[in-house]
Amino acid sequence: IQPQTETAEAAVQRDIQHYMRPGTLQLGSLPPLSLYV
């Protein structure tokens, strides 16, 4: 959970870094993207 003092911009940057950090999977390419509303 974000600390109350964190700016929205900083939170977005932190989240991107969280998703992009090294991991156990190796996906050479990303699949097609759809949007559900």
All heavy atoms as atom14 arrays in JSON, in Angstrom:
{
  "sequence": "IQPQTETAEAAVQRDIQHYMRPGTLQLGSLPPLSLYV",
  "atom14_mask": [
    [1, 1, 1, 1, 1, 1, 1, 1, 0, 0, 0, 0, 0, 0],
    [1, 1, 1, 1, 1, 1, 1, 1, 1, 0, 0, 0, 0, 0],
    [1, 1, 1, 1, 1, 1, 1, 0, 0, 0, 0, 0, 0, 0],
    [1, 1, 1, 1, 1, 1, 1, 1, 1, 0, 0, 0, 0, 0],
    [1, 1, 1, 1, 1, 1, 1, 0, 0, 0, 0, 0, 0, 0],
    [1, 1, 1, 1, 1, 1, 1, 1, 1, 0, 0, 0, 0, 0],
    [1, 1, 1, 1, 1, 1, 1, 0, 0, 0, 0, 0, 0, 0],
    [1, 1, 1, 1, 1, 0, 0, 0, 0, 0, 0, 0, 0, 0],
    [1, 1, 1, 1, 1, 1, 1, 1, 1, 0, 0, 0, 0, 0],
    [1, 1, 1, 1, 1, 0, 0, 0, 0, 0, 0, 0, 0, 0],
    [1, 1, 1, 1, 1, 0, 0, 0, 0, 0, 0, 0, 0, 0],
    [1, 1, 1, 1, 1, 1, 1, 0, 0, 0, 0, 0, 0, 0],
    [1, 1, 1, 1, 1, 1, 1, 1, 1, 0, 0, 0, 0, 0],
    [1, 1, 1, 1, 1, 1, 1, 1, 1, 1, 1, 0, 0, 0],
    [1, 1, 1, 1, 1, 1, 1, 1, 0, 0, 0, 0, 0, 0],
    [1, 1, 1, 1, 1, 1, 1, 1, 0, 0, 0, 0, 0, 0],
    [1, 1, 1, 1, 1, 1, 1, 1, 1, 0, 0, 0, 0, 0],
    [1, 1, 1, 1, 1, 1, 1, 1, 1, 1, 0, 0, 0, 0],
    [1, 1, 1, 1, 1, 1, 1, 1, 1, 1, 1, 1, 0, 0],
    [1, 1, 1, 1, 1, 1, 1, 1, 0, 0, 0, 0, 0, 0],
    [1, 1, 1, 1, 1, 1, 1, 1, 1, 1, 1, 0, 0, 0],
    [1, 1, 1, 1, 1, 1, 1, 0, 0, 0, 0, 0, 0, 0],
    [1, 1, 1, 1, 0, 0, 0, 0, 0, 0, 0, 0, 0, 0],
    [1, 1, 1, 1, 1, 1, 1, 0, 0, 0, 0, 0, 0, 0],
    [1, 1, 1, 1, 1, 1, 1, 1, 0, 0, 0, 0, 0, 0],
    [1, 1, 1, 1, 1, 1, 1, 1, 1, 0, 0, 0, 0, 0],
    [1, 1, 1, 1, 1, 1, 1, 1, 0, 0, 0, 0, 0, 0],
    [1, 1, 1, 1, 0, 0, 0, 0, 0, 0, 0, 0, 0, 0],
    [1, 1, 1, 1, 1, 1, 0, 0, 0, 0, 0, 0, 0, 0],
    [1, 1, 1, 1, 1, 1, 1, 1, 0, 0, 0, 0, 0, 0],
    [1, 1, 1, 1, 1, 1, 1, 0, 0, 0, 0, 0, 0, 0],
    [1, 1, 1, 1, 1, 1, 1, 0, 0, 0, 0, 0, 0, 0],
    [1, 1, 1, 1, 1, 1, 1, 1, 0, 0, 0, 0, 0, 0],
    [1, 1, 1, 1, 1, 1, 0, 0, 0, 0, 0, 0, 0, 0],
    [1, 1, 1, 1, 1, 1, 1, 1, 0, 0, 0, 0, 0, 0],
    [1, 1, 1, 1, 1, 1, 1, 1, 1, 1, 1, 1, 0, 0],
    [1, 1, 1, 1, 1, 1, 1, 0, 0, 0, 0, 0, 0, 0]
  ],
  "atom14_positions": [
    [[0.84, -1.2, 0.0], [0.0, 0.0, 0.0], [0.88, 1.25, 0.0], [1.9, 1.31, 0.69], [-0.92, 0.0, 1.23], [-1.89, -1.19, 1.14], [-1.69, 1.3, 1.37], [-2.76, -1.37, 2.35], [0.0, 0.0, 0.0], [0.0, 0.0, 0.0], [0.0, 0.0, 0.0], [0.0, 0.0, 0.0], [0.0, 0.0, 0.0], [0.0, 0.0, 0.0]],
    [[0.49, 2.26, -0.77], [1.26, 3.48, -0.86], [1.24, 4.23, 0.46], [0.2, 4.36, 1.1], [0.68, 4.4, -1.94], [0.6, 3.78, -3.31], [-0.15, 4.68, -4.25], [-0.27, 5.87, -4.02], [-0.67, 4.12, -5.31], [0.0, 0.0, 0.0], [0.0, 0.0, 0.0], [0.0, 0.0, 0.0], [0.0, 0.0, 0.0], [0.0, 0.0, 0.0]],
    [[2.36, 4.78, 0.89], [2.34, 5.68, 2.04], [1.57, 6.95, 1.7], [1.55, 7.38, 0.55], [3.83, 5.97, 2.28], [4.51, 5.66, 0.99], [3.72, 4.57, 0.36], [0.0, 0.0, 0.0], [0.0, 0.0, 0.0], [0.0, 0.0, 0.0], [0.0, 0.0, 0.0], [0.0, 0.0, 0.0], [0.0, 0.0, 0.0], [0.0, 0.0, 0.0]],
    [[0.94, 7.55, 2.67], [0.09, 8.69, 2.43], [0.85, 9.87, 1.84], [0.28, 10.7, 1.14], [-0.6, 9.12, 3.74], [-1.6, 8.1, 4.26], [-2.75, 7.9, 3.3], [-3.33, 8.87, 2.82], [-3.09, 6.66, 3.0], [0.0, 0.0, 0.0], [0.0, 0.0, 0.0], [0.0, 0.0, 0.0], [0.0, 0.0, 0.0], [0.0, 0.0, 0.0]],
    [[2.14, 9.98, 2.13], [2.91, 11.13, 1.67], [3.45, 10.96, 0.25], [3.99, 11.89, -0.32], [4.1, 11.37, 2.61], [4.89, 10.18, 2.66], [3.62, 11.72, 4.01], [0.0, 0.0, 0.0], [0.0, 0.0, 0.0], [0.0, 0.0, 0.0], [0.0, 0.0, 0.0], [0.0, 0.0, 0.0], [0.0, 0.0, 0.0], [0.0, 0.0, 0.0]],
    [[3.28, 9.78, -0.36], [3.83, 9.53, -1.68], [3.0, 10.25, -2.74], [1.78, 10.21, -2.73], [3.82, 8.03, -1.95], [4.51, 7.64, -3.25], [4.56, 6.12, -3.43], [3.59, 5.46, -3.01], [5.54, 5.63, -3.97], [0.0, 0.0, 0.0], [0.0, 0.0, 0.0], [0.0, 0.0, 0.0], [0.0, 0.0, 0.0], [0.0, 0.0, 0.0]],
    [[3.67, 10.91, -3.68], [2.96, 11.59, -4.75], [2.44, 10.57, -5.75], [2.95, 9.45, -5.85], [3.87, 12.59, -5.48], [4.9, 11.85, -6.15], [4.48, 13.58, -4.52], [0.0, 0.0, 0.0], [0.0, 0.0, 0.0], [0.0, 0.0, 0.0], [0.0, 0.0, 0.0], [0.0, 0.0, 0.0], [0.0, 0.0, 0.0], [0.0, 0.0, 0.0]],
    [[1.41, 10.96, -6.54], [0.86, 10.05, -7.55], [1.93, 9.68, -8.57], [2.02, 8.53, -9.0], [-0.33, 10.72, -8.23], [0.0, 0.0, 0.0], [0.0, 0.0, 0.0], [0.0, 0.0, 0.0], [0.0, 0.0, 0.0], [0.0, 0.0, 0.0], [0.0, 0.0, 0.0], [0.0, 0.0, 0.0], [0.0, 0.0, 0.0], [0.0, 0.0, 0.0]],
    [[2.76, 10.67, -8.96], [3.8, 10.39, -9.94], [4.81, 9.38, -9.41], [5.24, 8.47, -10.12], [4.52, 11.69, -10.33], [3.66, 12.68, -11.11], [2.71, 13.48, -10.24], [2.77, 13.35, -9.0], [1.91, 14.24, -10.8], [0.0, 0.0, 0.0], [0.0, 0.0, 0.0], [0.0, 0.0, 0.0], [0.0, 0.0, 0.0], [0.0, 0.0, 0.0]],
    [[5.18, 9.53, -8.15], [6.14, 8.6, -7.55], [5.54, 7.21, -7.43], [6.23, 6.2, -7.63], [6.57, 9.11, -6.17], [0.0, 0.0, 0.0], [0.0, 0.0, 0.0], [0.0, 0.0, 0.0], [0.0, 0.0, 0.0], [0.0, 0.0, 0.0], [0.0, 0.0, 0.0], [0.0, 0.0, 0.0], [0.0, 0.0, 0.0], [0.0, 0.0, 0.0]],
    [[4.25, 7.14, -7.11], [3.59, 5.84, -6.98], [3.57, 5.12, -8.32], [3.82, 3.91, -8.39], [2.16, 6.03, -6.47], [0.0, 0.0, 0.0], [0.0, 0.0, 0.0], [0.0, 0.0, 0.0], [0.0, 0.0, 0.0], [0.0, 0.0, 0.0], [0.0, 0.0, 0.0], [0.0, 0.0, 0.0], [0.0, 0.0, 0.0], [0.0, 0.0, 0.0]],
    [[3.28, 5.85, -9.41], [3.27, 5.24, -10.72], [4.64, 4.71, -11.08], [4.8, 3.58, -11.57], [2.78, 6.26, -11.79], [3.06, 5.73, -13.19], [1.3, 6.55, -11.61], [0.0, 0.0, 0.0], [0.0, 0.0, 0.0], [0.0, 0.0, 0.0], [0.0, 0.0, 0.0], [0.0, 0.0, 0.0], [0.0, 0.0, 0.0], [0.0, 0.0, 0.0]],
    [[5.67, 5.5, -10.83], [7.03, 5.07, -11.14], [7.42, 3.85, -10.33], [8.04, 2.91, -10.85], [8.01, 6.22, -10.87], [9.44, 5.92, -11.31], [9.56, 5.63, -12.8], [8.89, 6.27, -13.62], [10.38, 4.66, -13.16], [0.0, 0.0, 0.0], [0.0, 0.0, 0.0], [0.0, 0.0, 0.0], [0.0, 0.0, 0.0], [0.0, 0.0, 0.0]],
    [[7.03, 3.82, -9.05], [7.34, 2.66, -8.2], [6.64, 1.41, -8.74], [7.22, 0.33, -8.79], [6.89, 2.93, -6.76], [7.05, 1.72, -5.83], [6.45, 1.99, -4.47], [5.09, 2.42, -4.55], [4.06, 1.6, -4.8], [4.28, 0.33, -5.02], [2.82, 2.07, -4.85], [0.0, 0.0, 0.0], [0.0, 0.0, 0.0], [0.0, 0.0, 0.0]],
    [[5.37, 1.57, -9.15], [4.63, 0.42, -9.66], [5.26, -0.13, -10.92], [5.35, -1.35, -11.11], [3.17, 0.82, -9.92], [2.39, 1.01, -8.62], [2.93, 0.67, -7.56], [1.25, 1.49, -8.69], [0.0, 0.0, 0.0], [0.0, 0.0, 0.0], [0.0, 0.0, 0.0], [0.0, 0.0, 0.0], [0.0, 0.0, 0.0], [0.0, 0.0, 0.0]],
    [[5.69, 0.75, -11.83], [6.32, 0.3, -13.06], [7.58, -0.49, -12.73], [7.84, -1.56, -13.3], [6.65, 1.5, -13.98], [5.36, 2.17, -14.44], [7.46, 1.04, -15.18], [5.59, 3.49, -15.16], [0.0, 0.0, 0.0], [0.0, 0.0, 0.0], [0.0, 0.0, 0.0], [0.0, 0.0, 0.0], [0.0, 0.0, 0.0], [0.0, 0.0, 0.0]],
    [[8.38, 0.03, -11.82], [9.6, -0.68, -11.41], [9.27, -2.03, -10.8], [9.99, -3.01, -11.01], [10.39, 0.19, -10.43], [10.97, 1.44, -11.05], [11.56, 2.39, -10.02], [11.39, 2.2, -8.81], [12.26, 3.41, -10.48], [0.0, 0.0, 0.0], [0.0, 0.0, 0.0], [0.0, 0.0, 0.0], [0.0, 0.0, 0.0], [0.0, 0.0, 0.0]],
    [[8.17, -2.1, -10.06], [7.75, -3.36, -9.45], [7.45, -4.41, -10.52], [7.87, -5.56, -10.43], [6.52, -3.12, -8.58], [5.88, -4.36, -8.04], [6.31, -4.97, -6.88], [4.86, -5.12, -8.51], [5.57, -6.05, -6.67], [4.68, -6.17, -7.63], [0.0, 0.0, 0.0], [0.0, 0.0, 0.0], [0.0, 0.0, 0.0], [0.0, 0.0, 0.0]],
    [[6.72, -4.02, -11.54], [6.35, -4.96, -12.6], [7.54, -5.36, -13.46], [7.57, -6.47, -13.99], [5.26, -4.36, -13.49], [3.93, -4.14, -12.8], [3.41, -2.86, -12.64], [3.2, -5.22, -12.31], [2.2, -2.66, -12.0], [1.98, -5.02, -11.68], [1.49, -3.74, -11.53], [0.29, -3.54, -10.9], [0.0, 0.0, 0.0], [0.0, 0.0, 0.0]],
    [[8.5, -4.46, -13.64], [9.59, -4.69, -14.57], [10.81, -5.33, -13.93], [11.79, -5.63, -14.63], [10.0, -3.37, -15.23], [8.9, -2.71, -16.04], [8.17, -3.82, -17.29], [9.6, -4.03, -18.38], [0.0, 0.0, 0.0], [0.0, 0.0, 0.0], [0.0, 0.0, 0.0], [0.0, 0.0, 0.0], [0.0, 0.0, 0.0], [0.0, 0.0, 0.0]],
    [[10.79, -5.59, -12.63], [11.98, -6.16, -11.98], [12.23, -7.59, -12.48], [11.32, -8.24, -13.01], [11.82, -6.13, -10.46], [10.83, -7.16, -9.93], [10.46, -6.92, -8.47], [9.73, -8.05, -7.9], [8.46, -8.32, -8.13], [7.75, -7.54, -8.93], [7.89, -9.37, -7.55], [0.0, 0.0, 0.0], [0.0, 0.0, 0.0], [0.0, 0.0, 0.0]],
    [[13.45, -8.12, -12.31], [13.76, -9.49, -12.75], [12.86, -10.52, -12.06], [12.4, -10.31, -10.94], [15.23, -9.67, -12.34], [15.77, -8.28, -12.28], [14.65, -7.42, -11.79], [0.0, 0.0, 0.0], [0.0, 0.0, 0.0], [0.0, 0.0, 0.0], [0.0, 0.0, 0.0], [0.0, 0.0, 0.0], [0.0, 0.0, 0.0], [0.0, 0.0, 0.0]],
    [[12.61, -11.65, -12.77], [11.77, -12.7, -12.21], [12.11, -14.04, -12.83], [13.08, -14.17, -13.57], [0.0, 0.0, 0.0], [0.0, 0.0, 0.0], [0.0, 0.0, 0.0], [0.0, 0.0, 0.0], [0.0, 0.0, 0.0], [0.0, 0.0, 0.0], [0.0, 0.0, 0.0], [0.0, 0.0, 0.0], [0.0, 0.0, 0.0], [0.0, 0.0, 0.0]],
    [[11.28, -15.03, -12.53], [11.59, -16.41, -12.96], [11.12, -16.7, -14.38], [11.57, -17.67, -14.99], [10.92, -17.42, -12.01], [9.5, -17.21, -12.01], [11.44, -17.25, -10.59], [0.0, 0.0, 0.0], [0.0, 0.0, 0.0], [0.0, 0.0, 0.0], [0.0, 0.0, 0.0], [0.0, 0.0, 0.0], [0.0, 0.0, 0.0], [0.0, 0.0, 0.0]],
    [[10.2, -15.91, -14.94], [9.72, -16.16, -16.29], [10.55, -15.4, -17.32], [11.16, -14.38, -17.0], [8.25, -15.72, -16.42], [7.23, -16.39, -15.5], [5.83, -15.86, -15.81], [7.27, -17.9, -15.64], [0.0, 0.0, 0.0], [0.0, 0.0, 0.0], [0.0, 0.0, 0.0], [0.0, 0.0, 0.0], [0.0, 0.0, 0.0], [0.0, 0.0, 0.0]],
    [[10.56, -15.92, -18.54], [11.25, -15.26, -19.65], [10.29, -15.19, -20.84], [10.14, -16.14, -21.58], [12.52, -16.03, -20.04], [13.57, -16.12, -18.94], [14.18, -14.77, -18.59], [14.31, -13.9, -19.44], [14.56, -14.6, -17.33], [0.0, 0.0, 0.0], [0.0, 0.0, 0.0], [0.0, 0.0, 0.0], [0.0, 0.0, 0.0], [0.0, 0.0, 0.0]],
    [[9.59, -14.05, -20.98], [8.66, -13.86, -22.1], [9.37, -13.03, -23.17], [9.67, -11.85, -22.96], [7.38, -13.15, -21.65], [6.29, -14.04, -21.04], [6.72, -14.57, -19.68], [4.98, -13.29, -20.91], [0.0, 0.0, 0.0], [0.0, 0.0, 0.0], [0.0, 0.0, 0.0], [0.0, 0.0, 0.0], [0.0, 0.0, 0.0], [0.0, 0.0, 0.0]],
    [[9.66, -13.67, -24.31], [10.39, -12.99, -25.36], [9.58, -11.91, -26.05], [10.12, -10.94, -26.57], [0.0, 0.0, 0.0], [0.0, 0.0, 0.0], [0.0, 0.0, 0.0], [0.0, 0.0, 0.0], [0.0, 0.0, 0.0], [0.0, 0.0, 0.0], [0.0, 0.0, 0.0], [0.0, 0.0, 0.0], [0.0, 0.0, 0.0], [0.0, 0.0, 0.0]],
    [[8.24, -12.05, -26.06], [7.36, -11.06, -26.66], [6.04, -11.06, -25.9], [5.73, -12.02, -25.19], [7.12, -11.37, -28.14], [6.49, -12.64, -28.29], [0.0, 0.0, 0.0], [0.0, 0.0, 0.0], [0.0, 0.0, 0.0], [0.0, 0.0, 0.0], [0.0, 0.0, 0.0], [0.0, 0.0, 0.0], [0.0, 0.0, 0.0], [0.0, 0.0, 0.0]],
    [[5.29, -9.99, -26.05], [4.02, -9.88, -25.34], [2.87, -10.25, -26.28], [2.91, -9.98, -27.48], [3.83, -8.45, -24.83], [4.91, -7.95, -23.86], [4.58, -6.53, -23.4], [5.07, -8.88, -22.67], [0.0, 0.0, 0.0], [0.0, 0.0, 0.0], [0.0, 0.0, 0.0], [0.0, 0.0, 0.0], [0.0, 0.0, 0.0], [0.0, 0.0, 0.0]],
    [[1.81, -10.87, -25.75], [0.67, -11.28, -26.59], [-0.19, -10.1, -26.97], [0.0, -8.98, -26.46], [-0.09, -12.25, -25.68], [0.19, -11.75, -24.29], [1.62, -11.25, -24.34], [0.0, 0.0, 0.0], [0.0, 0.0, 0.0], [0.0, 0.0, 0.0], [0.0, 0.0, 0.0], [0.0, 0.0, 0.0], [0.0, 0.0, 0.0], [0.0, 0.0, 0.0]],
    [[-1.17, -10.29, -27.87], [-2.1, -9.2, -28.21], [-2.83, -8.7, -26.96], [-3.06, -9.45, -26.0], [-3.07, -9.85, -29.19], [-2.32, -11.0, -29.76], [-1.44, -11.5, -28.66], [0.0, 0.0, 0.0], [0.0, 0.0, 0.0], [0.0, 0.0, 0.0], [0.0, 0.0, 0.0], [0.0, 0.0, 0.0], [0.0, 0.0, 0.0], [0.0, 0.0, 0.0]],
    [[-3.18, -7.41, -26.99], [-3.84, -6.76, -25.85], [-5.26, -6.37, -26.22], [-5.51, -5.78, -27.27], [-3.06, -5.51, -25.44], [-3.68, -4.65, -24.33], [-3.68, -5.4, -22.99], [-2.92, -3.33, -24.2], [0.0, 0.0, 0.0], [0.0, 0.0, 0.0], [0.0, 0.0, 0.0], [0.0, 0.0, 0.0], [0.0, 0.0, 0.0], [0.0, 0.0, 0.0]],
    [[-6.21, -6.72, -25.35], [-7.61, -6.32, -25.49], [-8.0, -5.45, -24.3], [-7.31, -5.43, -23.27], [-8.51, -7.55, -25.56], [-8.25, -8.32, -26.72], [0.0, 0.0, 0.0], [0.0, 0.0, 0.0], [0.0, 0.0, 0.0], [0.0, 0.0, 0.0], [0.0, 0.0, 0.0], [0.0, 0.0, 0.0], [0.0, 0.0, 0.0], [0.0, 0.0, 0.0]],
    [[-9.12, -4.77, -24.45], [-9.66, -3.94, -23.36], [-11.07, -4.4, -23.04], [-11.91, -4.53, -23.94], [-9.68, -2.46, -23.77], [-10.31, -1.5, -22.73], [-9.39, -1.33, -21.53], [-10.63, -0.14, -23.36], [0.0, 0.0, 0.0], [0.0, 0.0, 0.0], [0.0, 0.0, 0.0], [0.0, 0.0, 0.0], [0.0, 0.0, 0.0], [0.0, 0.0, 0.0]],
    [[-11.34, -4.66, -21.76], [-12.69, -4.99, -21.31], [-13.21, -3.82, -20.48], [-12.51, -3.32, -19.59], [-12.7, -6.28, -20.49], [-14.07, -6.57, -19.92], [-15.07, -7.12, -20.73], [-14.39, -6.27, -18.6], [-16.34, -7.36, -20.23], [-15.66, -6.52, -18.09], [-16.63, -7.06, -18.91], [-17.89, -7.28, -18.42], [0.0, 0.0, 0.0], [0.0, 0.0, 0.0]],
    [[-14.43, -3.39, -20.75], [-15.07, -2.29, -20.02], [-16.34, -2.82, -19.38], [-17.25, -3.28, -20.08], [-15.42, -1.12, -20.97], [-16.0, 0.05, -20.16], [-14.18, -0.67, -21.75], [0.0, 0.0, 0.0], [0.0, 0.0, 0.0], [0.0, 0.0, 0.0], [0.0, 0.0, 0.0], [0.0, 0.0, 0.0], [0.0, 0.0, 0.0], [0.0, 0.0, 0.0]]
  ]
}
